[in-house]
Amino acid sequence: QVQLVESGGGTVEAGGSLRLSCAASGRTLSNYHISWFRQAPGKERAFGAFITRSTLSTYYADSVKGRFTISRDNAKNTGNLQMNSLKPEDTAVYYCAARSAGTTWSASQSSSAGWYDYWGQGTQVTVSS
């Protein structure tokens, strides 16, 4: 079992930045691919960004590409999401997710919420206009 805990959410003005963190316990996070998803009120959970266990590959949703950067520090057992140039439409609860790295991955799989084994409880991000 992997327990994931997100932090770093808050309220920021449009154009501002936030850095989210995902702390893992129970297992070594380096054995897992990591993604960030988000869910706005009344909407389905949507994919944001993905990073492989080795950090060699990343993948972003078009809506965040060029503004968000996913990273990880396997030594600290954490994943991170740097969010710049935030927009009001980025307002959502942000979730960290992990998938065992024992299988190959594809863009379609990594962007599907059902592909992941573990989820955090989420952290609220609110961007004011």
C-alpha atoms as a PDB file:
ATOM      1  CA  GLN A   1       0.000   0.000   0.000  1.00  0.00           C
ATOM      2  CA  VAL A   2       1.080   3.520  -0.795  1.00  0.00           C
ATOM      3  CA  GLN A   3      -0.353   6.464   1.099  1.00  0.00           C
ATOM      4  CA  LEU A   4      -0.271   9.782  -0.745  1.00  0.00           C
ATOM      5  CA  VAL A   5      -0.746  13.178   0.880  1.00  0.00           C
ATOM      6  CA  GLU A   6      -0.963  16.363  -1.168  1.00  0.00           C
ATOM      7  CA  SER A   7      -0.060  19.809   0.132  1.00  0.00           C
ATOM      8  CA  GLY A   8       0.617  23.292  -1.159  1.00  0.00           C
ATOM      9  CA  GLY A   9      -2.837  24.278  -2.292  1.00  0.00           C
ATOM     10  CA  GLY A  10      -4.327  27.677  -1.556  1.00  0.00           C
ATOM     11  CA  THR A  11      -5.768  30.817  -3.054  1.00  0.00           C
ATOM     12  CA  VAL A  12      -3.807  32.859  -5.566  1.00  0.00           C
ATOM     13  CA  GLU A  13      -4.578  35.664  -7.995  1.00  0.00           C
ATOM     14  CA  ALA A  14      -4.652  35.028 -11.713  1.00  0.00           C
ATOM     15  CA  GLY A  15      -1.139  35.013 -13.123  1.00  0.00           C
ATOM     16  CA  GLY A  16       0.329  33.749  -9.878  1.00  0.00           C
ATOM     17  CA  SER A  17       2.083  30.512  -9.024  1.00  0.00           C
ATOM     18  CA  LEU A  18       1.721  27.605  -6.642  1.00  0.00           C
ATOM     19  CA  ARG A  19       3.795  24.504  -6.012  1.00  0.00           C
ATOM     20  CA  LEU A  20       1.994  21.341  -4.991  1.00  0.00           C
ATOM     21  CA  SER A  21       3.704  18.422  -3.298  1.00  0.00           C
ATOM     22  CA  CYS A  22       2.727  14.777  -2.977  1.00  0.00           C
ATOM     23  CA  ALA A  23       4.352  12.945  -0.080  1.00  0.00           C
ATOM     24  CA  ALA A  24       4.343   9.159  -0.188  1.00  0.00           C
ATOM     25  CA  SER A  25       4.604   6.682   2.655  1.00  0.00           C
ATOM     26  CA  GLY A  26       4.330   2.941   2.964  1.00  0.00           C
ATOM     27  CA  ARG A  27       6.281   2.139  -0.198  1.00  0.00           C
ATOM     28  CA  THR A  28       9.157   3.621  -2.160  1.00  0.00           C
ATOM     29  CA  LEU A  29       7.661   6.083  -4.628  1.00  0.00           C
ATOM     30  CA  SER A  30      10.458   5.403  -7.106  1.00  0.00           C
ATOM     31  CA  ASN A  31       8.637   2.178  -8.016  1.00  0.00           C
ATOM     32  CA  TYR A  32       5.612   4.119  -9.256  1.00  0.00           C
ATOM     33  CA  HIS A  33       4.656   6.408 -12.082  1.00  0.00           C
ATOM     34  CA  ILE A  34       2.990   9.584 -10.779  1.00  0.00           C
ATOM     35  CA  SER A  35       0.301  11.845 -12.143  1.00  0.00           C
ATOM     36  CA  TRP A  36      -1.644  14.908 -11.114  1.00  0.00           C
ATOM     37  CA  PHE A  37      -5.355  15.144 -11.830  1.00  0.00           C
ATOM     38  CA  ARG A  38      -7.823  17.863 -10.946  1.00  0.00           C
ATOM     39  CA  GLN A  39     -11.546  18.071 -10.399  1.00  0.00           C
ATOM     40  CA  ALA A  40     -13.538  21.267 -10.638  1.00  0.00           C
ATOM     41  CA  PRO A  41     -17.004  21.557  -9.078  1.00  0.00           C
ATOM     42  CA  GLY A  42     -19.593  19.738 -11.147  1.00  0.00           C
ATOM     43  CA  LYS A  43     -16.990  18.266 -13.499  1.00  0.00           C
ATOM     44  CA  GLU A  44     -15.256  14.932 -13.898  1.00  0.00           C
ATOM     45  CA  ARG A  45     -11.731  14.365 -12.664  1.00  0.00           C
ATOM     46  CA  ALA A  46      -9.363  15.475 -15.434  1.00  0.00           C
ATOM     47  CA  PHE A  47      -5.784  14.554 -16.225  1.00  0.00           C
ATOM     48  CA  GLY A  48      -3.112  17.193 -15.797  1.00  0.00           C
ATOM     49  CA  ALA A  49       0.436  15.836 -15.874  1.00  0.00           C
ATOM     50  CA  PHE A  50       2.365  12.544 -15.736  1.00  0.00           C
ATOM     51  CA  ILE A  51       5.934  11.533 -14.977  1.00  0.00           C
ATOM     52  CA  THR A  52       7.539   8.128 -15.194  1.00  0.00           C
ATOM     53  CA  ARG A  53       9.357   6.538 -12.281  1.00  0.00           C
ATOM     54  CA  SER A  54      12.720   7.314 -13.867  1.00  0.00           C
ATOM     55  CA  THR A  55      11.768  10.957 -14.720  1.00  0.00           C
ATOM     56  CA  LEU A  56      12.828  10.247 -18.302  1.00  0.00           C
ATOM     57  CA  SER A  57       9.347  10.925 -19.662  1.00  0.00           C
ATOM     58  CA  THR A  58       6.648  13.466 -18.892  1.00  0.00           C
ATOM     59  CA  TYR A  59       3.274  14.103 -20.476  1.00  0.00           C
ATOM     60  CA  TYR A  60       0.853  17.040 -20.073  1.00  0.00           C
ATOM     61  CA  ALA A  61      -2.719  17.849 -20.855  1.00  0.00           C
ATOM     62  CA  ASP A  62      -3.024  20.594 -23.463  1.00  0.00           C
ATOM     63  CA  SER A  63      -4.770  22.802 -20.909  1.00  0.00           C
ATOM     64  CA  VAL A  64      -1.665  23.006 -18.698  1.00  0.00           C
ATOM     65  CA  LYS A  65       1.179  22.472 -21.161  1.00  0.00           C
ATOM     66  CA  GLY A  66       3.740  25.250 -20.982  1.00  0.00           C
ATOM     67  CA  ARG A  67       2.448  26.492 -17.610  1.00  0.00           C
ATOM     68  CA  PHE A  68       2.744  23.463 -15.315  1.00  0.00           C
ATOM     69  CA  THR A  69       5.834  21.361 -14.653  1.00  0.00           C
ATOM     70  CA  ILE A  70       5.739  17.942 -13.025  1.00  0.00           C
ATOM     71  CA  SER A  71       8.785  16.626 -11.209  1.00  0.00           C
ATOM     72  CA  ARG A  72       9.752  14.141  -8.551  1.00  0.00           C
ATOM     73  CA  ASP A  73      12.422  13.628  -5.934  1.00  0.00           C
ATOM     74  CA  ASN A  74      12.745   9.899  -5.411  1.00  0.00           C
ATOM     75  CA  ALA A  75      15.255  10.416  -2.607  1.00  0.00           C
ATOM     76  CA  LYS A  76      12.621  12.355  -0.675  1.00  0.00           C
ATOM     77  CA  ASN A  77       9.747  10.128  -1.801  1.00  0.00           C
ATOM     78  CA  THR A  78       7.830  13.097  -3.163  1.00  0.00           C
ATOM     79  CA  GLY A  79       6.254  14.317  -6.357  1.00  0.00           C
ATOM     80  CA  ASN A  80       5.708  17.961  -7.245  1.00  0.00           C
ATOM     81  CA  LEU A  81       3.655  20.116  -9.565  1.00  0.00           C
ATOM     82  CA  GLN A  82       4.873  23.649 -10.248  1.00  0.00           C
ATOM     83  CA  MET A  83       1.978  25.731 -11.529  1.00  0.00           C
ATOM     84  CA  ASN A  84       2.710  29.099 -13.158  1.00  0.00           C
ATOM     85  CA  SER A  85       0.543  31.637 -14.957  1.00  0.00           C
ATOM     86  CA  LEU A  86      -2.509  30.345 -13.146  1.00  0.00           C
ATOM     87  CA  LYS A  87      -5.945  31.083 -14.539  1.00  0.00           C
ATOM     88  CA  PRO A  88      -9.370  31.097 -12.857  1.00  0.00           C
ATOM     89  CA  GLU A  89     -10.242  27.963 -14.841  1.00  0.00           C
ATOM     90  CA  ASP A  90      -7.429  26.147 -13.013  1.00  0.00           C
ATOM     91  CA  THR A  91      -9.543  26.296  -9.842  1.00  0.00           C
ATOM     92  CA  ALA A  92     -10.105  22.716  -8.683  1.00  0.00           C
ATOM     93  CA  VAL A  93      -9.176  20.075  -6.163  1.00  0.00           C
ATOM     94  CA  TYR A  94      -5.818  18.630  -7.246  1.00  0.00           C
ATOM     95  CA  TYR A  95      -5.063  14.953  -6.697  1.00  0.00           C
ATOM     96  CA  CYS A  96      -1.845  13.002  -6.814  1.00  0.00           C
ATOM     97  CA  ALA A  97      -2.060   9.451  -8.199  1.00  0.00           C
ATOM     98  CA  ALA A  98       0.413   6.581  -8.425  1.00  0.00           C
ATOM     99  CA  ARG A  99       0.626   3.512 -10.627  1.00  0.00           C
ATOM    100  CA  SER A 100       3.015   0.588 -10.167  1.00  0.00           C
ATOM    101  CA  ALA A 101       5.814   0.882 -12.725  1.00  0.00           C
ATOM    102  CA  GLY A 102       5.909  -2.823 -13.525  1.00  0.00           C
ATOM    103  CA  THR A 103       4.101  -2.337 -16.845  1.00  0.00           C
ATOM    104  CA  THR A 104       4.682  -0.201 -19.891  1.00  0.00           C
ATOM    105  CA  TRP A 105       2.688   2.974 -20.298  1.00  0.00           C
ATOM    106  CA  SER A 106       1.040   4.999 -23.017  1.00  0.00           C
ATOM    107  CA  ALA A 107      -0.328   8.519 -23.197  1.00  0.00           C
ATOM    108  CA  SER A 108      -3.899   7.245 -23.261  1.00  0.00           C
ATOM    109  CA  GLN A 109      -3.360   4.999 -20.241  1.00  0.00           C
ATOM    110  CA  SER A 110      -1.519   7.578 -18.178  1.00  0.00           C
ATOM    111  CA  SER A 111      -4.270  10.140 -18.732  1.00  0.00           C
ATOM    112  CA  SER A 112      -7.010   7.794 -17.514  1.00  0.00           C
ATOM    113  CA  ALA A 113      -7.960   8.001 -13.830  1.00  0.00           C
ATOM    114  CA  GLY A 114      -8.887   4.307 -13.808  1.00  0.00           C
ATOM    115  CA  TRP A 115      -5.296   3.288 -14.599  1.00  0.00           C
ATOM    116  CA  TYR A 116      -3.982   4.363 -11.196  1.00  0.00           C
ATOM    117  CA  ASP A 117      -3.664   2.236  -8.097  1.00  0.00           C
ATOM    118  CA  TYR A 118      -3.425   4.886  -5.397  1.00  0.00           C
ATOM    119  CA  TRP A 119      -4.809   8.363  -4.793  1.00  0.00           C
ATOM    120  CA  GLY A 120      -4.296  11.144  -2.310  1.00  0.00           C
ATOM    121  CA  GLN A 121      -7.108  13.031  -0.612  1.00  0.00           C
ATOM    122  CA  GLY A 122      -6.639  16.168  -2.714  1.00  0.00           C
ATOM    123  CA  THR A 123      -5.691  19.782  -2.097  1.00  0.00           C
ATOM    124  CA  GLN A 124      -7.800  22.794  -3.075  1.00  0.00           C
ATOM    125  CA  VAL A 125      -6.440  25.363  -5.509  1.00  0.00           C
ATOM    126  CA  THR A 126      -8.452  28.535  -6.030  1.00  0.00           C
ATOM    127  CA  VAL A 127      -7.441  31.153  -8.602  1.00  0.00           C
ATOM    128  CA  SER A 128      -9.195  34.507  -8.312  1.00  0.00           C
ATOM    129  CA  SER A 129      -9.683  36.824 -11.262  1.00  0.00           C
END
